[in-house]
Amino acid sequence: MDMKFLEEIYHARCRSVFVGIESMDQQALSGVDKGYLVKELYEGLKNAVNVGINVETTVMIGMPDDTRDSIRHTTNKIIDLFQNDMLKLVHYFLCIPWRGTEIGNHPEKYGLNIACRNHRNFITAPSVPIASTKYLSAEEVYSLWEEGVVKLCDEVKMKLLFMELQKVLNPKLARED
């Protein structure tokens, strides 16, 4: 998301983009050959916000090289970006090893153990653990995902409460809605 491209799409009336950040941990990104650097993500987000474009994103918890620390690091960095209005909306998913994808077709190559093979559970908010990473069991990944969902939801609630408080303290804001 370089500045020139973002300025061009802004002038073409683009006001939001959807970006697959996936992780804020370089090892996790490199482990699945994402081909970009975390520092490039920060730069692209900063450029988008500076141009006036809102960013929505997806985050994938439980990629093959994820650890307890990398998952918590990603969650905390995503929350920080949301708090600072660098992200307007976050979709926080478990990594699903879909058949037909490199990871789904060759889980052993990535050090994964698929704990659930019922594709009915392969949804954005599964009710069961899906797959391990090289370092965590499927149950541990699932637990960390649930922990992250709660943290993100709490952050959204806090942001909404703050916006309502601003309206009470400054009635002019309430009329602008």
Protein backbone atom coordinates (compact mmCIF):
# COMPACT_ATOMS: atom_id res chain seq x y z
CA MET A 1 0.00 0.00 0.00
CA ASP A 2 2.39 2.65 -1.20
CA MET A 3 1.42 6.31 -0.94
CA LYS A 4 1.07 6.95 -4.69
CA PHE A 5 -1.31 4.01 -5.19
CA LEU A 6 -3.35 4.97 -2.13
CA GLU A 7 -3.65 8.59 -3.29
CA GLU A 8 -4.82 7.41 -6.72
CA ILE A 9 -7.53 5.13 -5.34
CA TYR A 10 -8.61 7.82 -2.86
CA HIS A 11 -9.07 10.27 -5.74
CA ALA A 12 -11.12 7.58 -7.49
CA ARG A 13 -13.43 7.72 -4.40
CA CYS A 14 -12.15 4.63 -2.59
CA ARG A 15 -12.66 5.22 1.13
CA SER A 16 -11.98 1.77 2.59
CA VAL A 17 -9.90 -1.30 1.86
CA PHE A 18 -9.88 -4.85 3.17
CA VAL A 19 -6.41 -6.21 3.92
CA GLY A 20 -5.33 -9.68 5.09
CA ILE A 21 -2.74 -8.82 7.74
CA GLU A 22 -2.90 -12.39 9.12
CA SER A 23 -0.22 -11.91 11.80
CA MET A 24 1.98 -9.28 13.38
CA ASP A 25 4.68 -11.89 13.96
CA GLN A 26 7.31 -12.13 11.23
CA GLN A 27 8.11 -15.79 11.88
CA ALA A 28 4.44 -16.73 11.50
CA LEU A 29 4.17 -14.79 8.23
CA SER A 30 7.41 -16.17 6.81
CA GLY A 31 6.45 -19.73 7.78
CA VAL A 32 3.60 -19.67 5.27
CA ASP A 33 5.48 -17.65 2.63
CA LYS A 34 3.34 -14.51 2.92
CA GLY A 35 6.06 -12.49 1.19
CA TYR A 36 5.77 -9.27 3.19
CA LEU A 37 7.29 -7.84 6.33
CA VAL A 38 5.53 -6.67 9.48
CA LYS A 39 7.23 -3.29 9.12
CA GLU A 40 5.68 -3.01 5.63
CA LEU A 41 2.26 -3.63 7.16
CA TYR A 42 2.76 -0.75 9.59
CA GLU A 43 3.93 1.55 6.80
CA GLY A 44 0.98 0.64 4.56
CA LEU A 45 -1.53 1.19 7.37
CA LYS A 46 0.02 4.55 8.23
CA ASN A 47 -0.10 5.58 4.55
CA ALA A 48 -3.74 4.54 4.18
CA VAL A 49 -4.82 6.49 7.27
CA ASN A 50 -2.82 9.55 6.18
CA VAL A 51 -4.55 9.51 2.79
CA GLY A 52 -7.99 9.12 4.41
CA ILE A 53 -8.71 5.48 3.65
CA ASN A 54 -10.23 3.24 6.33
CA VAL A 55 -8.74 -0.22 6.73
CA GLU A 56 -10.52 -3.46 7.66
CA THR A 57 -8.43 -6.56 8.24
CA THR A 58 -8.32 -10.27 8.91
CA VAL A 59 -6.06 -11.86 11.47
CA MET A 60 -5.29 -15.60 11.51
CA ILE A 61 -4.53 -17.23 14.84
CA GLY A 62 -2.85 -20.63 14.80
CA MET A 63 -0.64 -20.47 11.73
CA PRO A 64 2.02 -23.22 11.65
CA ASP A 65 4.80 -21.21 13.32
CA ASP A 66 2.57 -19.53 15.90
CA THR A 67 3.52 -19.84 19.57
CA ARG A 68 1.69 -18.68 22.67
CA ASP A 69 3.82 -15.50 22.64
CA SER A 70 3.36 -14.80 18.92
CA ILE A 71 -0.42 -15.17 19.17
CA ARG A 72 -0.62 -12.83 22.17
CA HIS A 73 1.79 -10.41 20.45
CA THR A 74 -0.39 -10.34 17.32
CA THR A 75 -3.56 -9.86 19.37
CA ASN A 76 -2.02 -7.01 21.38
CA LYS A 77 -0.63 -5.27 18.27
CA ILE A 78 -3.96 -5.54 16.47
CA ILE A 79 -5.74 -4.06 19.51
CA ASP A 80 -3.18 -1.23 19.59
CA LEU A 81 -3.80 -0.50 15.89
CA PHE A 82 -7.56 -0.52 16.51
CA GLN A 83 -7.22 1.79 19.54
CA ASN A 84 -5.18 4.22 17.45
CA ASP A 85 -7.69 4.23 14.57
CA MET A 86 -5.29 2.51 12.18
CA LEU A 87 -7.87 -0.27 11.79
CA LYS A 88 -11.63 0.29 11.67
CA LEU A 89 -12.70 -3.35 11.76
CA VAL A 90 -10.90 -6.57 12.69
CA HIS A 91 -11.96 -10.09 11.66
CA TYR A 92 -10.18 -12.44 14.07
CA PHE A 93 -10.11 -16.03 12.77
CA LEU A 94 -8.59 -19.38 13.50
CA CYS A 95 -6.31 -20.63 10.75
CA ILE A 96 -8.31 -23.34 8.98
CA PRO A 97 -6.34 -25.93 6.95
CA TRP A 98 -8.81 -26.12 4.05
CA ARG A 99 -8.36 -28.94 1.54
CA GLY A 100 -7.20 -27.44 -1.72
CA THR A 101 -4.79 -25.05 0.03
CA GLU A 102 -1.10 -25.72 0.53
CA ILE A 103 -1.51 -26.08 4.30
CA GLY A 104 -4.66 -28.19 4.04
CA ASN A 105 -3.18 -30.53 1.44
CA HIS A 106 0.16 -30.97 3.25
CA PRO A 107 -0.38 -30.33 6.99
CA GLU A 108 2.57 -32.57 7.92
CA LYS A 109 4.92 -30.36 5.86
CA TYR A 110 3.90 -27.44 8.11
CA GLY A 111 4.03 -29.43 11.35
CA LEU A 112 0.25 -29.36 11.82
CA ASN A 113 -2.00 -31.97 13.31
CA ILE A 114 -5.59 -31.52 12.20
CA ALA A 115 -7.74 -32.30 15.23
CA CYS A 116 -11.11 -31.76 13.56
CA ARG A 117 -11.83 -33.00 10.05
CA ASN A 118 -15.56 -32.22 10.09
CA HIS A 119 -15.80 -29.38 7.58
CA ARG A 120 -19.03 -28.20 9.16
CA ASN A 121 -16.83 -26.79 11.92
CA PHE A 122 -14.62 -24.92 9.46
CA ILE A 123 -16.34 -21.60 10.02
CA THR A 124 -15.17 -18.21 11.22
CA ALA A 125 -16.21 -18.91 14.81
CA PRO A 126 -15.80 -22.66 15.30
CA SER A 127 -17.02 -24.35 18.45
CA VAL A 128 -14.20 -26.90 18.57
CA PRO A 129 -10.41 -26.86 18.28
CA ILE A 130 -9.36 -27.31 14.64
CA ALA A 131 -5.57 -27.76 14.30
CA SER A 132 -2.32 -27.58 16.19
CA THR A 133 0.73 -25.50 15.30
CA LYS A 134 4.32 -26.70 15.48
CA TYR A 135 4.39 -25.50 19.10
CA LEU A 136 0.82 -25.64 20.44
CA SER A 137 -1.90 -28.25 20.62
CA ALA A 138 -5.19 -27.58 18.85
CA GLU A 139 -6.79 -27.03 22.27
CA GLU A 140 -4.14 -24.44 23.22
CA VAL A 141 -4.60 -22.60 19.90
CA TYR A 142 -8.37 -22.61 20.38
CA SER A 143 -8.05 -21.31 23.95
CA LEU A 144 -5.75 -18.47 22.82
CA TRP A 145 -8.18 -17.63 20.00
CA GLU A 146 -11.07 -17.42 22.50
CA GLU A 147 -8.91 -15.26 24.80
CA GLY A 148 -8.19 -12.92 21.87
CA VAL A 149 -11.85 -12.71 20.86
CA VAL A 150 -12.75 -11.62 24.41
CA LYS A 151 -9.97 -8.99 24.45
CA LEU A 152 -11.01 -7.59 21.08
CA CYS A 153 -14.69 -7.49 22.06
CA ASP A 154 -13.82 -5.71 25.30
CA GLU A 155 -11.81 -3.17 23.31
CA VAL A 156 -14.69 -2.54 20.91
CA LYS A 157 -17.06 -2.02 23.86
CA MET A 158 -14.63 0.45 25.42
CA LYS A 159 -14.31 2.38 22.16
CA LEU A 160 -18.10 2.54 21.76
CA LEU A 161 -18.53 3.72 25.35
CA PHE A 162 -15.89 6.39 24.81
CA MET A 163 -17.68 7.60 21.68
CA GLU A 164 -20.97 7.82 23.59
CA LEU A 165 -19.26 9.68 26.44
CA GLN A 166 -17.84 12.17 23.94
CA LYS A 167 -21.37 12.83 22.65
CA VAL A 168 -22.65 13.47 26.17
CA LEU A 169 -19.78 15.82 26.93
CA ASN A 170 -20.06 17.54 23.56
CA PRO A 171 -23.72 17.58 22.40
CA LYS A 172 -22.67 19.05 19.04
CA LEU A 173 -21.14 15.63 18.17
CA ALA A 174 -24.47 13.91 18.84
CA ARG A 175 -26.27 16.24 16.39
CA GLU A 176 -23.73 15.46 13.65
CA ASP A 177 -24.78 11.78 13.64
